[in-house]
Amino acid sequence: MHPDLDGAVWRKSSYSGGNGGECVELAFAEHVIGVRDSKNPKVALAFGRTEMDLFLRNLRHDRFDV
């Protein structure tokens, strides 16, 4: 399944720098949330709302080692 993100309205993260590069962008479609890097906008990942909610909850609780 390839979600349709053509025509989606992409929004930049508020944490992205103002220099025009290195931006994370999100788009909200009917059944998925798209995530892409502004330097390579032709490639996007799509997550279901449940998966994105789980990811964000874990991120907020610092459950990832980086």
N, C-alpha and C. Protein backbone atom coordinates (compact mmCIF):
# COMPACT_ATOMS: atom_id res chain seq x y z
N MET A 1 0.84 -1.18 0.00
CA MET A 1 0.00 0.00 0.00
C MET A 1 0.89 1.24 0.00
N HIS A 2 0.62 2.14 -0.91
CA HIS A 2 1.34 3.41 -0.98
C HIS A 2 0.34 4.52 -0.71
N PRO A 3 0.42 5.15 0.45
CA PRO A 3 -0.52 6.23 0.76
C PRO A 3 -0.33 7.40 -0.19
N ASP A 4 -1.41 8.06 -0.47
CA ASP A 4 -1.40 9.19 -1.39
C ASP A 4 -1.07 10.47 -0.62
N LEU A 5 0.17 10.95 -0.79
CA LEU A 5 0.57 12.20 -0.17
C LEU A 5 0.75 13.30 -1.21
N ASP A 6 0.38 13.01 -2.46
CA ASP A 6 0.42 14.04 -3.50
C ASP A 6 -0.60 15.11 -3.15
N GLY A 7 -0.18 16.32 -3.20
CA GLY A 7 -1.08 17.42 -2.89
C GLY A 7 -1.23 17.69 -1.40
N ALA A 8 -0.50 16.91 -0.57
CA ALA A 8 -0.58 17.13 0.87
C ALA A 8 0.08 18.47 1.22
N VAL A 9 -0.39 19.08 2.27
CA VAL A 9 0.19 20.33 2.76
C VAL A 9 1.25 19.96 3.79
N TRP A 10 2.50 20.24 3.47
CA TRP A 10 3.61 19.90 4.34
C TRP A 10 3.91 21.07 5.26
N ARG A 11 4.18 20.76 6.52
CA ARG A 11 4.50 21.78 7.53
C ARG A 11 5.87 21.47 8.13
N LYS A 12 6.68 22.50 8.31
CA LYS A 12 8.00 22.32 8.90
C LYS A 12 7.91 22.30 10.42
N SER A 13 8.80 21.54 11.02
CA SER A 13 8.89 21.49 12.47
C SER A 13 9.29 22.85 13.02
N SER A 14 8.76 23.20 14.17
CA SER A 14 9.16 24.45 14.82
C SER A 14 10.59 24.39 15.32
N TYR A 15 11.16 23.20 15.38
CA TYR A 15 12.55 23.03 15.80
C TYR A 15 13.52 23.12 14.63
N SER A 16 13.03 23.22 13.42
CA SER A 16 13.89 23.32 12.25
C SER A 16 14.58 24.68 12.23
N GLY A 17 15.81 24.68 11.75
CA GLY A 17 16.55 25.93 11.65
C GLY A 17 15.96 26.84 10.59
N GLY A 18 16.22 28.09 10.69
CA GLY A 18 15.70 29.06 9.75
C GLY A 18 16.58 29.26 8.53
N ASN A 19 17.59 28.40 8.35
CA ASN A 19 18.53 28.59 7.25
C ASN A 19 18.09 27.90 5.97
N GLY A 20 16.92 27.30 5.94
CA GLY A 20 16.41 26.70 4.72
C GLY A 20 16.77 25.25 4.50
N GLY A 21 17.56 24.66 5.36
CA GLY A 21 17.94 23.26 5.23
C GLY A 21 17.67 22.48 6.50
N GLU A 22 17.89 21.19 6.44
CA GLU A 22 17.76 20.33 7.59
C GLU A 22 16.42 20.48 8.31
N CYS A 23 15.33 20.39 7.58
CA CYS A 23 14.01 20.54 8.17
C CYS A 23 13.24 19.23 8.11
N VAL A 24 12.57 18.93 9.19
CA VAL A 24 11.63 17.81 9.21
C VAL A 24 10.27 18.39 8.88
N GLU A 25 9.56 17.74 7.95
CA GLU A 25 8.24 18.21 7.56
C GLU A 25 7.21 17.11 7.78
N LEU A 26 6.01 17.51 8.17
CA LEU A 26 4.90 16.59 8.37
C LEU A 26 3.73 17.00 7.49
N ALA A 27 2.96 16.00 7.08
CA ALA A 27 1.73 16.24 6.33
C ALA A 27 0.67 15.30 6.88
N PHE A 28 -0.52 15.80 7.04
CA PHE A 28 -1.62 14.99 7.56
C PHE A 28 -2.58 14.67 6.43
N ALA A 29 -2.70 13.38 6.14
CA ALA A 29 -3.62 12.89 5.11
C ALA A 29 -4.76 12.18 5.82
N GLU A 30 -5.68 11.63 5.05
CA GLU A 30 -6.88 11.03 5.63
C GLU A 30 -6.57 9.92 6.63
N HIS A 31 -5.69 8.98 6.27
CA HIS A 31 -5.42 7.84 7.14
C HIS A 31 -3.97 7.74 7.59
N VAL A 32 -3.13 8.65 7.16
CA VAL A 32 -1.71 8.57 7.50
C VAL A 32 -1.13 9.95 7.81
N ILE A 33 0.04 9.91 8.43
CA ILE A 33 0.83 11.11 8.66
C ILE A 33 2.14 10.91 7.91
N GLY A 34 2.46 11.84 7.03
CA GLY A 34 3.68 11.75 6.25
C GLY A 34 4.80 12.50 6.93
N VAL A 35 6.01 11.96 6.83
CA VAL A 35 7.21 12.58 7.39
C VAL A 35 8.27 12.57 6.30
N ARG A 36 8.94 13.71 6.12
CA ARG A 36 10.00 13.77 5.12
C ARG A 36 11.06 14.79 5.54
N ASP A 37 12.19 14.71 4.86
CA ASP A 37 13.30 15.63 5.04
C ASP A 37 13.19 16.67 3.92
N SER A 38 13.23 17.93 4.26
CA SER A 38 13.05 18.97 3.25
C SER A 38 14.16 18.96 2.20
N LYS A 39 15.31 18.36 2.50
CA LYS A 39 16.39 18.28 1.52
C LYS A 39 16.11 17.23 0.45
N ASN A 40 15.20 16.30 0.74
CA ASN A 40 14.86 15.23 -0.20
C ASN A 40 13.34 15.02 -0.19
N PRO A 41 12.57 15.99 -0.66
CA PRO A 41 11.11 15.94 -0.52
C PRO A 41 10.40 14.87 -1.34
N LYS A 42 11.10 14.22 -2.27
CA LYS A 42 10.45 13.18 -3.06
C LYS A 42 10.32 11.87 -2.30
N VAL A 43 11.04 11.76 -1.17
CA VAL A 43 11.00 10.54 -0.35
C VAL A 43 10.29 10.87 0.96
N ALA A 44 9.23 10.14 1.25
CA ALA A 44 8.48 10.37 2.48
C ALA A 44 8.12 9.04 3.13
N LEU A 45 8.07 9.04 4.43
CA LEU A 45 7.58 7.90 5.19
C LEU A 45 6.15 8.19 5.59
N ALA A 46 5.35 7.15 5.69
CA ALA A 46 3.95 7.33 6.10
C ALA A 46 3.66 6.42 7.29
N PHE A 47 3.04 6.99 8.29
CA PHE A 47 2.70 6.26 9.51
C PHE A 47 1.21 6.38 9.77
N GLY A 48 0.64 5.33 10.30
CA GLY A 48 -0.74 5.40 10.77
C GLY A 48 -0.78 6.28 12.01
N ARG A 49 -1.95 6.76 12.32
CA ARG A 49 -2.07 7.66 13.48
C ARG A 49 -1.70 6.96 14.79
N THR A 50 -2.03 5.69 14.92
CA THR A 50 -1.69 4.95 16.13
C THR A 50 -0.18 4.82 16.28
N GLU A 51 0.50 4.49 15.18
CA GLU A 51 1.95 4.35 15.22
C GLU A 51 2.64 5.68 15.53
N MET A 52 2.15 6.75 14.93
CA MET A 52 2.75 8.06 15.19
C MET A 52 2.52 8.49 16.64
N ASP A 53 1.35 8.21 17.18
CA ASP A 53 1.06 8.54 18.57
C ASP A 53 2.01 7.79 19.50
N LEU A 54 2.22 6.51 19.24
CA LEU A 54 3.13 5.71 20.06
C LEU A 54 4.56 6.23 19.95
N PHE A 55 5.00 6.55 18.74
CA PHE A 55 6.34 7.10 18.54
C PHE A 55 6.52 8.39 19.33
N LEU A 56 5.57 9.31 19.24
CA LEU A 56 5.69 10.59 19.92
C LEU A 56 5.67 10.44 21.44
N ARG A 57 4.84 9.53 21.94
CA ARG A 57 4.81 9.28 23.39
C ARG A 57 6.17 8.77 23.87
N ASN A 58 6.75 7.83 23.13
CA ASN A 58 8.06 7.30 23.51
C ASN A 58 9.14 8.36 23.40
N LEU A 59 9.05 9.21 22.40
CA LEU A 59 10.00 10.29 22.22
C LEU A 59 9.93 11.27 23.40
N ARG A 60 8.73 11.62 23.81
CA ARG A 60 8.56 12.55 24.93
C ARG A 60 9.12 11.99 26.23
N HIS A 61 9.08 10.68 26.38
CA HIS A 61 9.58 10.04 27.61
C HIS A 61 11.02 9.58 27.48
N ASP A 62 11.71 10.06 26.44
CA ASP A 62 13.14 9.80 26.25
C ASP A 62 13.45 8.30 26.27
N ARG A 63 12.69 7.52 25.52
CA ARG A 63 12.87 6.08 25.49
C ARG A 63 13.74 5.61 24.33
N PHE A 64 14.42 6.52 23.67
CA PHE A 64 15.27 6.17 22.55
C PHE A 64 16.72 6.51 22.91
N ASP A 65 17.63 5.62 22.57
CA ASP A 65 19.05 5.88 22.74
C ASP A 65 19.60 6.47 21.45
N VAL A 66 20.20 7.62 21.54
CA VAL A 66 20.81 8.23 20.36
C VAL A 66 22.24 8.64 20.65
